[in-house]
Protein backbone atom coordinates (compact mmCIF):
# COMPACT_ATOMS: atom_id res chain seq x y z
CA MET A 1 0.90 -24.69 18.27
CA SER A 2 -2.36 -26.18 18.83
CA ASP A 3 -4.92 -25.70 15.23
CA ASP A 4 -7.60 -25.33 17.76
CA VAL A 5 -6.65 -22.25 18.84
CA GLN A 6 -9.32 -19.23 18.02
CA LEU A 7 -7.51 -16.70 15.64
CA GLY A 8 -6.78 -13.13 16.86
CA PHE A 9 -3.46 -11.98 17.77
CA TRP A 10 -4.29 -11.10 21.51
CA ARG A 11 -6.11 -14.20 21.70
CA ILE A 12 -3.19 -16.67 20.45
CA ALA A 13 -0.63 -14.99 21.82
CA THR A 14 -2.01 -15.42 25.22
CA ALA A 15 -2.72 -19.11 24.46
CA ASN A 16 0.75 -19.55 23.18
CA PRO A 17 3.29 -17.18 24.55
CA ASP A 18 6.31 -18.68 22.92
CA TRP A 19 5.80 -18.79 19.46
CA VAL A 20 7.85 -16.36 17.59
CA ALA A 21 5.80 -13.83 16.40
CA VAL A 22 7.92 -11.18 15.03
CA VAL A 23 11.50 -11.27 13.16
CA ASP A 24 12.40 -7.56 13.54
CA PRO A 25 14.91 -5.74 10.71
CA SER A 26 17.75 -6.10 12.64
CA GLY A 27 17.31 -10.11 12.83
CA ASP A 28 16.12 -10.33 16.64
CA GLU A 29 13.14 -12.44 17.33
CA HIS A 30 10.30 -11.43 19.30
CA THR A 31 7.72 -14.01 21.53
CA ALA A 32 3.93 -13.63 20.73
CA GLY A 33 4.31 -12.89 24.79
CA GLU A 34 6.70 -10.54 24.05
CA LEU A 35 4.85 -8.45 21.73
CA LEU A 36 1.47 -9.23 23.50
CA ALA A 37 3.03 -7.72 27.16
CA ALA A 38 4.43 -4.66 25.36
CA ALA A 39 1.01 -3.86 23.46
CA ASN A 40 -0.62 -4.07 27.10
CA GLN A 41 1.61 -2.08 28.62
CA VAL A 42 0.77 0.52 25.89
CA SER A 43 -2.75 0.32 26.88
CA HIS A 44 -2.45 0.84 29.66
CA GLY A 45 -0.03 3.87 29.50
CA LEU A 46 -2.82 5.72 26.99
CA ARG A 47 -5.92 5.52 29.63
CA ALA A 48 -3.49 6.76 31.89
CA LEU A 49 -3.06 9.97 29.90
CA GLY A 50 -7.31 10.00 29.87
CA VAL A 51 -7.32 8.33 25.86
CA SER A 52 -10.22 6.10 25.46
CA ALA A 53 -12.55 4.76 22.83
CA GLY A 54 -12.79 6.74 19.61
CA ASP A 55 -9.86 8.95 20.36
CA THR A 56 -6.71 8.94 17.68
CA VAL A 57 -2.95 7.25 17.99
CA ALA A 58 -1.03 9.02 15.06
CA CYS A 59 2.85 7.70 14.62
CA VAL A 60 5.46 8.56 12.22
CA LEU A 61 7.59 4.91 12.49
CA PRO A 62 9.49 2.76 10.63
CA ASN A 63 8.56 -0.79 10.50
CA SER A 64 9.28 -2.31 13.71
CA PHE A 65 8.43 -4.21 17.13
CA GLU A 66 7.23 -1.15 18.59
CA PHE A 67 5.00 -0.14 15.57
CA LEU A 68 3.55 -3.02 15.49
CA ALA A 69 3.07 -2.73 19.80
CA LEU A 70 1.59 0.48 19.29
CA TYR A 71 -0.68 -0.96 16.57
CA PHE A 72 -1.91 -3.56 18.89
CA GLY A 73 -2.09 -1.55 22.44
CA ALA A 74 -4.22 1.13 20.52
CA LEU A 75 -6.81 -1.22 18.69
CA GLN A 76 -7.42 -3.10 21.62
CA ILE A 77 -9.08 0.02 23.67
CA GLY A 78 -11.35 1.07 20.80
CA CYS A 79 -8.78 3.91 19.35
CA TYR A 80 -8.15 4.80 15.55
CA PHE A 81 -4.41 3.98 14.75
CA THR A 82 -3.08 6.37 12.07
CA PRO A 83 0.59 5.66 10.57
CA ILE A 84 2.07 8.62 8.50
CA ASN A 85 4.06 8.47 5.38
CA HIS A 86 7.78 8.65 7.42
CA HIS A 87 8.87 10.25 3.76
CA LEU A 88 6.84 13.16 4.14
CA VAL A 89 8.10 16.35 5.06
CA GLY A 90 7.48 18.30 8.43
CA THR A 91 4.34 20.48 6.94
CA GLU A 92 2.94 17.66 5.80
CA ILE A 93 3.12 15.17 8.84
CA ALA A 94 1.46 17.92 10.47
CA TYR A 95 -1.49 18.54 8.56
CA ILE A 96 -1.97 14.90 8.95
CA VAL A 97 -1.55 14.97 12.79
CA ASN A 98 -3.96 17.98 13.01
CA ASP A 99 -6.71 16.51 10.58
CA SER A 100 -7.02 13.02 12.32
CA ASP A 101 -7.84 14.80 15.50
CA ALA A 102 -4.88 13.05 17.11
CA ASN A 103 -4.86 12.58 20.92
CA VAL A 104 -1.06 11.00 21.10
CA PHE A 105 1.77 11.67 18.67
CA VAL A 106 4.86 9.18 18.49
CA GLY A 107 7.66 10.29 16.22
CA SER A 108 10.97 8.21 15.35
CA GLY A 109 14.58 9.06 15.92
CA GLU A 110 15.39 7.78 12.65
CA HIS A 111 12.96 10.67 11.00
CA ALA A 112 13.86 13.45 13.77
CA ASP A 113 14.51 16.38 11.60
CA GLU A 114 10.82 16.17 9.84
CA VAL A 115 8.95 15.46 13.23
CA VAL A 116 10.86 18.50 14.95
CA LYS A 117 9.24 20.39 12.07
CA ALA A 118 5.74 19.01 12.04
CA LEU A 119 5.63 19.81 15.92
CA ALA A 120 5.97 23.43 15.49
CA GLU A 121 2.99 23.11 13.25
CA ILE A 122 0.80 20.30 15.36
CA GLU A 123 -2.09 21.75 17.28
CA GLY A 124 -4.01 20.98 20.42
CA ILE A 125 -1.82 17.92 21.59
CA ASP A 126 -0.92 17.72 25.16
CA ALA A 127 3.01 18.08 25.33
CA ASP A 128 3.34 14.72 27.95
CA HIS A 129 1.21 13.56 24.90
CA LEU A 130 4.06 13.58 22.49
CA PHE A 131 6.49 10.44 22.58
CA SER A 132 9.55 9.28 20.48
CA ILE A 133 11.39 5.78 19.81
CA GLY A 134 14.71 7.43 19.32
CA ASP A 135 15.68 11.02 20.61
CA VAL A 136 13.09 13.62 19.10
CA PRO A 137 13.71 17.04 20.72
CA GLY A 138 10.32 17.69 22.14
CA MET A 139 8.93 14.80 22.53
CA ARG A 140 9.38 12.44 25.41
CA PRO A 141 10.81 8.57 24.84
CA LEU A 142 7.99 6.22 24.47
CA ALA A 143 9.63 4.25 27.38
CA GLU A 144 8.19 6.85 29.73
CA LEU A 145 4.67 5.42 28.46
CA THR A 146 4.77 2.07 29.50
CA ALA A 147 7.05 2.22 32.28
CA GLY A 148 5.48 0.27 35.52
CA GLN A 149 2.41 -0.26 33.37
CA PRO A 150 0.76 -4.01 33.74
CA GLU A 151 1.76 -6.88 31.10
CA THR A 152 -1.94 -7.97 31.19
CA ALA A 153 -4.63 -7.30 29.03
CA PRO A 154 -6.60 -4.01 30.34
CA GLU A 155 -9.90 -3.94 31.53
CA GLY A 156 -12.77 -3.20 28.66
CA ARG A 157 -11.23 -4.21 25.95
CA THR A 158 -13.21 -2.87 22.48
CA ALA A 159 -12.14 -2.94 18.94
CA GLY A 160 -10.53 0.38 17.57
CA ALA A 161 -9.45 0.80 13.69
CA PRO A 162 -6.81 2.04 11.54
CA MET A 163 -7.56 5.19 10.20
CA HIS A 164 -5.14 5.70 6.52
CA TYR A 165 -4.47 8.55 4.84
CA THR A 166 -5.31 8.27 0.99
CA SER A 167 -1.59 9.26 -0.53
CA GLY A 168 -3.05 12.46 -2.45
CA THR A 169 -1.78 12.64 -5.27
CA THR A 170 -4.66 15.04 -6.49
CA GLY A 171 -5.30 17.96 -3.25
CA LYS A 172 -4.68 16.88 0.62
CA PRO A 173 -5.04 13.59 1.72
CA LYS A 174 -8.22 12.84 3.69
CA GLY A 175 -7.94 10.38 6.33
CA VAL A 176 -10.40 7.02 5.39
CA LYS A 177 -12.62 6.41 8.48
CA ARG A 178 -15.11 3.82 9.22
CA PRO A 179 -17.51 3.60 12.70
CA LEU A 180 -16.24 1.88 15.38
CA VAL A 181 -18.06 -1.28 16.38
CA ASP A 182 -17.90 -2.48 19.87
CA ILE A 183 -16.95 -5.98 19.72
CA ASP A 184 -14.12 -8.05 21.00
CA PRO A 185 -11.13 -6.93 19.33
CA ASP A 186 -10.36 -10.84 18.60
CA ASP A 187 -13.87 -11.58 17.35
CA LEU A 188 -13.20 -8.63 14.78
CA ALA A 189 -9.44 -9.38 13.52
CA ALA A 190 -11.27 -12.72 13.15
CA LEU A 191 -13.81 -11.69 11.01
CA TYR A 192 -11.05 -9.82 8.73
CA THR A 193 -8.99 -12.64 7.78
CA GLY A 194 -11.22 -13.94 6.17
CA TYR A 195 -9.92 -11.59 3.54
CA GLN A 196 -6.74 -13.72 3.75
CA SER A 197 -8.27 -16.89 2.97
CA MET A 198 -9.02 -15.78 -0.59
CA PHE A 199 -5.87 -16.31 -1.32
CA GLY A 200 -6.10 -19.44 0.25
CA ILE A 201 -3.68 -18.97 2.88
CA GLU A 202 -4.48 -20.97 5.93
CA PRO A 203 -4.39 -19.92 9.95
CA PHE A 204 -0.97 -21.63 11.11
CA ASP A 205 0.29 -24.06 8.89
CA ASP A 206 3.94 -23.33 9.19
CA ASN A 207 3.21 -19.93 7.49
CA VAL A 208 5.65 -17.06 7.35
CA HIS A 209 5.04 -13.66 5.95
CA ILE A 210 7.41 -11.06 4.84
CA THR A 211 6.53 -7.40 5.23
CA GLY A 212 9.36 -5.33 2.59
CA SER A 213 7.31 -2.62 2.24
CA PRO A 214 6.39 -0.12 5.11
CA LEU A 215 3.75 -0.36 7.47
CA TYR A 216 1.98 3.00 7.03
CA HIS A 217 0.41 1.28 3.68
CA THR A 218 -2.95 0.32 4.28
CA ALA A 219 -2.89 -2.76 2.61
CA VAL A 220 0.85 -3.64 4.05
CA LEU A 221 -0.10 -3.20 7.36
CA LEU A 222 -3.76 -5.41 6.99
CA TRP A 223 -1.55 -7.92 5.49
CA THR A 224 0.70 -8.13 8.65
CA ALA A 225 -1.85 -7.67 11.22
CA ASN A 226 -4.16 -10.36 9.41
CA SER A 227 -0.83 -12.88 9.58
CA LEU A 228 -0.32 -12.44 13.11
CA HIS A 229 -4.06 -12.86 13.66
CA MET A 230 -3.90 -15.87 11.92
CA GLY A 231 -0.91 -17.25 14.15
CA HIS A 232 1.95 -16.59 11.36
CA LYS A 233 5.48 -15.28 11.82
CA VAL A 234 6.34 -12.33 10.35
CA VAL A 235 9.87 -11.04 9.53
CA LEU A 236 10.25 -7.40 9.13
CA MET A 237 12.44 -5.62 6.38
CA ASP A 238 12.88 -1.81 6.99
CA ARG A 239 14.81 -0.81 3.77
CA TRP A 240 14.07 -3.17 0.80
CA THR A 241 16.63 -4.68 -1.23
CA PRO A 242 16.28 -7.07 -3.85
CA GLN A 243 18.95 -9.03 -2.51
CA GLY A 244 17.84 -8.32 0.83
CA MET A 245 14.27 -10.24 0.44
CA LEU A 246 15.76 -13.01 -1.42
CA GLU A 247 17.62 -13.62 1.24
CA ARG A 248 15.06 -13.69 3.87
CA ILE A 249 12.65 -15.77 2.10
CA ASP A 250 15.40 -18.66 1.67
CA ALA A 251 16.46 -18.39 5.70
CA HIS A 252 12.82 -17.98 7.02
CA ARG A 253 11.15 -20.37 4.66
CA VAL A 254 8.74 -17.44 3.63
CA THR A 255 5.29 -18.40 2.45
CA THR A 256 3.59 -15.04 2.00
CA SER A 257 4.49 -11.25 1.27
CA HIS A 258 2.54 -8.46 -0.39
CA MET A 259 5.02 -6.59 -2.85
CA VAL A 260 4.25 -3.81 -5.72
CA PRO A 261 5.46 -4.48 -9.31
CA THR A 262 8.65 -2.43 -8.86
CA GLN A 263 9.94 -5.00 -6.64
CA PHE A 264 9.72 -7.74 -8.85
CA HIS A 265 11.40 -5.23 -11.84
CA ARG A 266 14.46 -5.00 -9.44
CA MET A 267 14.67 -8.76 -8.08
CA LEU A 268 14.24 -9.90 -11.58
CA ALA A 269 16.74 -7.28 -12.79
CA LEU A 270 19.39 -9.20 -10.25
CA PRO A 271 22.14 -11.51 -12.46
CA GLU A 272 20.59 -14.93 -13.09
CA GLU A 273 23.62 -16.46 -10.97
CA VAL A 274 22.52 -14.17 -7.62
CA ARG A 275 18.92 -15.03 -8.20
CA ALA A 276 19.67 -18.93 -8.22
CA GLY A 277 21.59 -18.42 -5.18
CA PHE A 278 18.43 -18.67 -2.97
CA ASP A 279 16.11 -21.32 -2.52
CA CYS A 280 12.09 -19.35 -2.96
CA SER A 281 10.44 -22.86 -2.91
CA SER A 282 8.79 -21.84 0.24
CA THR A 283 6.22 -19.02 -1.19
CA ARG A 284 3.00 -19.99 -1.60
CA CYS A 285 1.06 -16.71 -2.12
CA MET A 286 3.01 -13.53 -3.31
CA VAL A 287 0.45 -10.92 -3.66
CA HIS A 288 1.31 -7.60 -5.95
CA ALA A 289 -0.99 -4.45 -6.06
CA ALA A 290 -0.71 -0.87 -6.01
CA ALA A 291 0.21 -0.02 -9.79
CA PRO A 292 -0.04 -2.08 -12.98
CA CYS A 293 2.52 -4.52 -13.63
CA PRO A 294 4.02 -4.79 -17.20
CA PRO A 295 2.86 -8.47 -18.70
CA GLU A 296 6.38 -9.16 -19.72
CA ILE A 297 7.55 -8.73 -15.80
CA LYS A 298 4.66 -10.71 -14.62
CA ARG A 299 5.18 -13.83 -17.03
CA GLN A 300 9.26 -13.67 -15.63
CA MET A 301 7.31 -13.65 -12.07
CA ILE A 302 5.33 -16.85 -12.72
CA ASP A 303 8.62 -18.77 -14.67
CA TRP A 304 10.08 -17.86 -11.40
CA TRP A 305 7.98 -18.22 -8.64
CA GLY A 306 4.77 -19.76 -10.39
CA ASP A 307 1.32 -20.08 -8.28
CA ALA A 308 2.36 -18.44 -5.03
CA ILE A 309 1.77 -15.26 -7.80
CA MET A 310 -1.32 -13.53 -7.24
CA GLU A 311 -2.73 -10.06 -8.12
CA TYR A 312 -5.66 -8.25 -6.54
CA TYR A 313 -7.14 -4.41 -7.03
CA ALA A 314 -8.52 -2.58 -4.30
CA ALA A 315 -8.18 0.39 -2.90
CA THR A 316 -8.42 2.06 1.20
CA GLU A 317 -12.15 2.47 0.25
CA GLY A 318 -12.98 -1.39 -0.05
CA GLY A 319 -12.46 -3.27 -3.03
CA GLY A 320 -12.09 -5.89 -5.03
CA THR A 321 -10.91 -8.30 -7.42
CA ILE A 322 -8.49 -11.37 -7.34
CA ILE A 323 -6.69 -13.27 -10.28
CA THR A 324 -4.61 -16.30 -9.70
CA ALA A 325 -1.22 -17.28 -12.11
CA SER A 326 -3.44 -19.65 -14.16
CA GLU A 327 -6.37 -17.09 -14.58
CA TRP A 328 -4.19 -14.12 -15.83
CA LEU A 329 -2.00 -16.25 -18.56
CA THR A 330 -5.50 -17.03 -20.07
CA LYS A 331 -6.72 -13.54 -19.08
CA PRO A 332 -2.92 -11.50 -19.42
CA GLY A 333 -3.35 -7.91 -18.43
CA SER A 334 -6.81 -8.47 -16.23
CA VAL A 335 -6.80 -7.96 -12.34
CA GLY A 336 -9.28 -10.40 -11.91
CA LYS A 337 -12.80 -10.96 -11.20
CA ALA A 338 -14.79 -9.03 -7.94
CA TRP A 339 -14.16 -11.13 -4.80
CA GLU A 340 -16.82 -13.24 -3.03
CA GLY A 341 -19.69 -11.46 -1.91
CA PHE A 342 -18.25 -7.88 -3.46
CA GLU A 343 -19.57 -6.96 -7.23
CA VAL A 344 -17.73 -4.70 -9.53
CA ARG A 345 -19.24 -2.57 -12.19
CA VAL A 346 -18.68 -0.21 -14.57
CA HIS A 347 -20.31 3.43 -15.28
CA ASP A 348 -20.77 5.69 -17.95
CA ASP A 349 -20.25 9.43 -16.26
CA GLU A 350 -22.20 11.28 -19.23
CA THR A 351 -25.17 9.24 -19.35
CA GLY A 352 -25.38 8.30 -15.57
CA GLU A 353 -25.82 4.51 -16.79
CA TRP A 354 -24.41 1.66 -15.94
CA LEU A 355 -22.39 -0.36 -18.59
CA GLY A 356 -22.32 -3.97 -20.25
CA PRO A 357 -19.37 -6.07 -21.35
CA ASN A 358 -16.31 -4.86 -23.02
CA VAL A 359 -17.87 -0.90 -22.84
CA GLU A 360 -14.86 0.92 -21.22
CA GLY A 361 -16.04 3.49 -18.05
CA THR A 362 -15.22 4.70 -14.48
CA VAL A 363 -15.01 1.58 -12.37
CA TYR A 364 -17.03 1.21 -9.24
CA MET A 365 -16.52 -1.06 -6.50
CA SER A 366 -18.82 -2.22 -3.48
CA LEU A 367 -17.76 -1.34 -0.07
CA ALA A 368 -15.96 -3.16 2.29
CA MET A 369 -17.36 -4.74 5.42
CA ALA A 370 -17.73 -1.27 7.48
CA ASP A 371 -18.92 2.05 5.59
CA PHE A 372 -16.63 4.78 5.49
CA GLU A 373 -16.14 8.61 5.00
CA TYR A 374 -13.65 10.93 4.19
CA LYS A 375 -12.47 12.76 7.55
CA GLY A 376 -13.97 16.18 7.09
CA ASP A 377 -14.91 15.70 3.50
CA LYS A 378 -18.23 14.88 3.05
CA ALA A 379 -18.86 16.10 -0.98
CA LYS A 380 -15.78 13.78 -1.50
CA THR A 381 -17.15 11.32 -0.09
CA ASN A 382 -20.71 11.56 -1.51
CA ASP A 383 -18.81 12.32 -4.74
CA ASN A 384 -17.00 9.14 -5.46
CA ARG A 385 -20.08 6.90 -4.67
CA LYS A 386 -22.91 5.80 -6.41
CA ASP A 387 -25.57 3.11 -5.16
CA GLY A 388 -23.60 1.77 -2.65
CA PHE A 389 -20.77 1.63 -4.56
CA PHE A 390 -17.56 3.92 -4.69
CA THR A 391 -14.65 4.77 -7.01
CA VAL A 392 -11.07 6.10 -6.73
CA GLY A 393 -11.26 7.35 -10.71
CA ASP A 394 -10.24 4.07 -11.93
CA TRP A 395 -10.82 3.39 -16.27
CA GLY A 396 -11.88 0.30 -17.23
CA LEU A 397 -13.83 -2.37 -18.74
CA ILE A 398 -15.27 -5.97 -17.84
CA ASP A 399 -15.38 -8.58 -20.82
CA ASP A 400 -17.78 -11.16 -20.95
CA ASP A 401 -16.38 -13.41 -18.60
CA GLY A 402 -16.50 -11.12 -15.57
CA TYR A 403 -12.73 -10.28 -15.47
CA LEU A 404 -11.99 -6.50 -15.28
CA PHE A 405 -9.24 -4.88 -17.35
CA LEU A 406 -7.88 -1.47 -15.97
CA LYS A 407 -7.07 1.09 -18.57
CA ASP A 408 -5.30 3.71 -16.54
CA ARG A 409 -6.41 6.12 -13.95
CA LYS A 410 -9.01 8.63 -15.13
CA SER A 411 -7.10 11.47 -14.19
CA ASP A 412 -4.00 10.33 -15.95
CA MET A 413 -5.86 9.28 -19.59
CA ILE A 414 -3.89 11.42 -22.30
CA ILE A 415 -6.76 13.16 -25.25
CA SER A 416 -4.88 14.14 -28.18
CA GLY A 417 -6.82 14.86 -31.38
CA GLY A 418 -9.67 13.44 -30.00
CA VAL A 419 -8.13 10.21 -28.98
CA ASN A 420 -7.63 8.63 -25.72
CA ILE A 421 -4.41 7.47 -24.80
CA TYR A 422 -3.98 5.31 -21.74
CA PRO A 423 -0.08 5.80 -20.49
CA ALA A 424 0.14 2.56 -18.29
CA GLU A 425 -0.34 1.08 -21.98
CA ILE A 426 2.86 2.79 -23.11
CA GLU A 427 4.62 2.48 -20.01
CA SER A 428 4.28 -1.43 -20.04
CA VAL A 429 6.03 -1.39 -22.81
CA LEU A 430 8.89 0.59 -22.24
CA LEU A 431 9.46 -1.17 -19.17
CA THR A 432 10.47 -4.28 -21.55
CA MET A 433 13.51 -2.59 -22.82
CA PRO A 434 16.67 -3.55 -20.32
CA LYS A 435 18.00 -0.04 -20.87
CA VAL A 436 14.93 1.56 -18.89
CA GLY A 437 14.97 1.32 -15.20
CA ASP A 438 11.56 2.81 -14.28
CA VAL A 439 9.14 5.64 -16.53
CA ALA A 440 6.40 7.90 -16.66
CA VAL A 441 4.03 9.05 -19.17
CA PHE A 442 2.13 11.86 -19.27
CA GLY A 443 0.35 14.19 -21.66
CA ILE A 444 1.81 18.04 -22.35
CA PRO A 445 0.61 20.92 -23.95
CA HIS A 446 0.26 20.99 -27.54
CA GLU A 447 -1.10 24.02 -29.55
CA ASP A 448 -3.10 21.77 -32.13
CA TRP A 449 -3.49 18.60 -30.83
CA GLY A 450 -4.69 19.34 -27.02
CA GLU A 451 -1.72 17.29 -25.40
CA GLU A 452 1.51 15.34 -26.97
CA ILE A 453 2.76 12.18 -25.10
CA LYS A 454 5.54 12.78 -23.38
CA ALA A 455 8.12 9.99 -21.38
CA VAL A 456 10.05 10.86 -18.49
CA VAL A 457 12.66 8.11 -18.17
CA GLN A 458 14.92 7.21 -15.41
CA PRO A 459 17.24 5.28 -16.96
CA ALA A 460 18.69 1.46 -15.93
CA GLU A 461 21.80 1.27 -13.74
CA GLY A 462 25.00 1.50 -15.68
CA VAL A 463 23.61 3.43 -18.69
CA GLU A 464 24.05 6.98 -19.88
CA ALA A 465 21.33 9.32 -20.62
CA GLY A 466 20.96 11.56 -23.66
CA PRO A 467 20.07 11.73 -27.07
CA GLU A 468 21.50 8.91 -28.24
CA LEU A 469 19.44 6.51 -25.69
CA ALA A 470 16.49 8.60 -26.61
CA ASP A 471 16.70 7.74 -30.03
CA GLU A 472 16.65 4.07 -29.32
CA ILE A 473 13.89 4.53 -27.35
CA MET A 474 11.86 5.98 -29.60
CA ALA A 475 13.21 3.27 -32.24
CA PHE A 476 12.07 0.71 -29.67
CA CYS A 477 8.77 1.51 -29.89
CA THR A 478 8.31 1.58 -33.62
CA ASP A 479 6.94 -2.11 -33.87
CA LYS A 480 5.15 -1.79 -30.05
CA LEU A 481 3.34 0.95 -29.78
CA ALA A 482 0.68 2.27 -32.62
CA LYS A 483 2.22 5.33 -34.11
CA TYR A 484 -0.19 8.02 -32.15
CA LYS A 485 0.37 5.92 -29.10
CA ARG A 486 4.79 6.86 -29.26
CA PRO A 487 6.34 8.99 -26.87
CA LYS A 488 6.89 12.27 -29.07
CA SER A 489 9.96 13.54 -26.64
CA ILE A 490 11.79 11.87 -24.07
CA ASP A 491 13.29 13.13 -20.87
CA PHE A 492 15.59 11.95 -18.33
CA VAL A 493 16.03 12.06 -14.67
CA PRO A 494 18.02 9.93 -12.05
CA GLU A 495 14.97 8.85 -10.45
CA LEU A 496 11.08 8.40 -10.85
CA PRO A 497 9.71 10.11 -7.71
CA ARG A 498 7.81 6.63 -6.30
CA ASP A 499 6.92 6.24 -2.71
CA PRO A 500 8.34 2.81 -0.93
CA ASN A 501 5.06 1.37 -2.25
CA GLY A 502 5.48 2.02 -5.37
CA LYS A 503 3.36 4.52 -5.99
CA LEU A 504 4.30 7.40 -8.61
CA TYR A 505 3.46 10.74 -7.89
CA LYS A 506 3.49 11.50 -11.49
CA ARG A 507 1.78 15.41 -10.92
CA LYS A 508 5.44 16.10 -8.92
CA LEU A 509 6.38 15.08 -13.05
CA ARG A 510 3.69 17.11 -14.90
CA ASP A 511 2.84 19.93 -13.43
CA PRO A 512 6.29 21.93 -14.79
CA TYR A 513 5.08 21.27 -17.66
CA TRP A 514 1.52 22.89 -17.25
CA GLU A 515 2.65 25.85 -15.24
CA GLY A 516 0.86 29.06 -16.00
CA ARG A 517 -2.09 27.23 -17.43
CA ASP A 518 -5.58 27.58 -15.66
CA ALA A 519 -5.91 23.68 -17.05
CA ARG A 520 -3.91 20.76 -16.81
CA ILE A 521 -5.80 18.85 -19.71
């Protein structure tokens, strides 16, 4: 492939149609020309339905070639593209489809049960605008959208945008909607690839990106799309397993990925002889985000993959910070310094003042390339902004060198006897115990202290839950946590409620303990 080709998937694929762009979860390879032709047919099919710039295409699909064809087809004719978490139940899916004002909805036969339930609650979409990949009663095969449509580029191409919905750990999820810009889709894509350059990732350069988390996640889709916009091959996984990840890294000489700490933890849990059987020396930039990474887990990953381990902190709404492996070793626990051209600040919500170094407060970040609003929720949009910055409610401090340290999500902070306690710190300690597979820490009601610390533990594989394990965990904490930080009680569950991106739905665990109370603090 010629290195002088300009960036942007549609542009690169036109110039180099024979480049292998996608390896799907079954291992089948698809050229850039095949993906471009499929995307162009989607574009023509959507326009034939009357879909135009500013309209929304929503979908519930697994990681697949078809997902990417729908994405690139919708975006090059100015549509908003809303991928929906396929682990949601029918009524949750319907809420997002309705709230997004979707004109077209595409479902998956793999998730037919919940998609069918959603159809009963979806409003405002014509029946002939409902499509599926695989069999879903009440939906037309997606092939009917694209059949007979040209494989050539549509006229009047203009850039659309993803409209992701926030995870909704509190209240209903909200769409993050950015204003559309009348610009060539390839030109806008080329601008967004500058994000990857912050991590030292170059266009082409034999890069191979592996997508192990669901594409409905904001960052995962951004990294996957940007990889294709830079001429990289993308290897898709649909159901992530630690050994499956390592097998693909070895087989495809993977260079980049976007990961979460839970995946690190599960790979490290493999027997040493299993891990040693895979060659991961090709890795150059294996980025993690989305959840705090226990320091010991991160140290082990740096020992294993070296400088390839990088971390950033951002949100669907904007961002953010970045830190390399070498920086982290000198600033353990930090999520890095602000991206070039961006700024991170800490705010005292009581006094209304911006804070100086080493003082904890609410973390605010400058907005991304384009402004945004929470669709249909102007109050939330305004509440989360201040002086051109926005917050997602995280709590932390910035040290004298400009490095950000997150203490917790502000809403998760436990206040016991007037003392602020940060669950993330306790969780990081407990996760270093081999018999703990996963853990969530939060506050539960206490008549005298206001709240006391509860730990809900998912035992490691093969470990039996019970009083004996609880005693071992309590003893483990004795010399690792101050007394006021130690859990006062431990419950066990077979598996914590996390989504495939590693995000913990802590409310599902915490709410039963607060049942019947007016407040949860």
